[in-house]
Protein backbone atom coordinates (compact mmCIF):
# COMPACT_ATOMS: atom_id res chain seq x y z
CA MET A 1 -3.58 65.93 -47.43
CA ASP A 2 -6.51 68.09 -46.06
CA SER A 3 -6.41 67.92 -42.23
CA ARG A 4 -10.75 67.33 -42.93
CA THR A 5 -9.88 64.41 -44.45
CA ALA A 6 -7.19 62.79 -42.15
CA THR A 7 -9.01 60.03 -40.19
CA THR A 8 -7.99 56.32 -39.24
CA SER A 9 -8.60 54.42 -41.55
CA HIS A 10 -5.26 55.30 -43.48
CA ARG A 11 -3.95 51.86 -44.76
CA ARG A 12 -0.65 51.61 -43.35
CA THR A 13 -0.64 53.09 -39.61
CA GLU A 14 1.57 53.97 -37.27
CA ARG A 15 1.05 53.89 -32.96
CA LEU A 16 1.75 57.63 -31.60
CA GLU A 17 1.46 57.24 -27.56
CA ALA A 18 1.11 60.33 -25.21
CA ARG A 19 0.57 60.61 -21.87
CA ILE A 20 -1.28 63.43 -20.74
CA PRO A 21 -2.97 64.80 -17.85
CA ALA A 22 -6.34 62.98 -17.57
CA ASP A 23 -7.60 66.00 -16.78
CA LEU A 24 -6.57 67.90 -20.40
CA LYS A 25 -7.97 63.76 -21.55
CA THR A 26 -11.52 65.54 -20.54
CA VAL A 27 -11.01 68.62 -22.79
CA PHE A 28 -10.08 66.49 -25.23
CA THR A 29 -12.67 63.98 -25.68
CA ARG A 30 -15.24 66.40 -25.09
CA ALA A 31 -14.01 68.24 -28.13
CA ALA A 32 -13.93 65.70 -30.41
CA ALA A 33 -17.66 65.37 -29.43
CA LEU A 34 -18.69 68.67 -29.97
CA ARG A 35 -17.01 67.98 -33.63
CA GLY A 36 -19.02 64.92 -33.89
CA GLN A 37 -15.69 63.04 -34.08
CA THR A 38 -13.49 60.10 -32.36
CA LEU A 39 -10.87 60.84 -29.80
CA THR A 40 -8.56 59.58 -32.58
CA ASP A 41 -9.69 61.21 -35.01
CA PHE A 42 -10.13 64.36 -33.21
CA VAL A 43 -6.30 64.33 -32.13
CA ILE A 44 -4.78 62.89 -36.14
CA ASN A 45 -7.14 66.56 -37.51
CA THR A 46 -5.87 69.22 -34.95
CA VAL A 47 -2.31 67.58 -34.56
CA THR A 48 -2.46 68.15 -38.57
CA GLU A 49 -3.62 71.30 -38.82
CA ALA A 50 -1.41 71.93 -36.56
CA ALA A 51 1.69 70.66 -37.81
CA GLN A 52 0.24 71.55 -41.45
CA ARG A 53 0.38 75.45 -40.30
CA VAL A 54 3.95 75.44 -38.47
CA VAL A 55 4.97 73.64 -41.87
CA ARG A 56 3.62 76.35 -43.98
CA GLU A 57 4.53 79.05 -41.63
CA GLN A 58 8.35 78.01 -42.08
CA ASP A 59 8.08 77.19 -45.51
CA ILE A 60 7.11 81.13 -46.12
CA LEU A 61 9.56 82.53 -43.98
CA ASP A 62 12.41 80.34 -46.23
CA LEU A 63 10.95 81.31 -49.16
CA THR A 64 10.61 84.76 -48.18
CA GLN A 65 14.59 85.40 -47.72
CA ARG A 66 15.77 83.14 -50.38
CA ASP A 67 13.56 85.33 -52.83
CA GLN A 68 14.67 88.56 -51.17
CA ILE A 69 18.31 87.73 -51.84
CA ALA A 70 17.61 86.48 -55.20
CA PHE A 71 16.05 89.68 -56.23
CA ALA A 72 18.63 91.78 -55.01
CA ASN A 73 21.27 89.66 -56.62
CA THR A 74 19.27 90.35 -59.76
CA LEU A 75 18.72 93.87 -59.18
CA ILE A 76 22.64 94.23 -58.98
CA ASN A 77 23.84 91.81 -61.62
CA PRO A 78 21.41 91.50 -63.97
CA PRO A 79 21.59 88.74 -66.71
CA GLU A 80 21.69 89.37 -69.92
CA PRO A 81 17.94 89.36 -71.88
CA SER A 82 17.97 85.51 -74.33
CA SER A 83 17.81 85.44 -77.78
CA LYS A 84 14.00 85.24 -77.42
CA MET A 85 13.71 87.73 -75.02
CA LEU A 86 15.11 89.74 -77.49
CA ALA A 87 13.08 88.96 -79.89
CA THR A 88 9.64 89.59 -78.01
CA ALA A 89 11.24 92.66 -77.30
CA ARG A 90 11.65 93.69 -81.14
CA TRP A 91 8.40 91.91 -82.39
CA TYR A 92 6.67 94.48 -79.00
CA ARG A 93 8.40 97.36 -80.41
CA LYS A 94 6.52 96.50 -84.28
CA GLN A 95 3.44 96.62 -82.70
CA VAL A 96 2.85 99.59 -80.68
CA LYS A 97 4.78 101.59 -83.15
CA PRO A 98 3.92 105.68 -82.60
């Protein structure tokens, strides 16, 4: 979901409550007003952006580690070429005859 479209108009909603200091709520309310949003929309959009960033960073980190291991294992133990790959190599050699 695009964080810019996250609003309180979702079909199914659930309540999320948080106790925060009054001065922090004042800052949130001011920031929401500066963006032309309700406090609820501001909190939803801001938290959505932060959550998506955290998840994306974790996914990239995990993917990178997994891909590095797979790449190294493939270099150490390369798979046998498939019949399709061998046929493609033969076709290519015919096309690029010296």
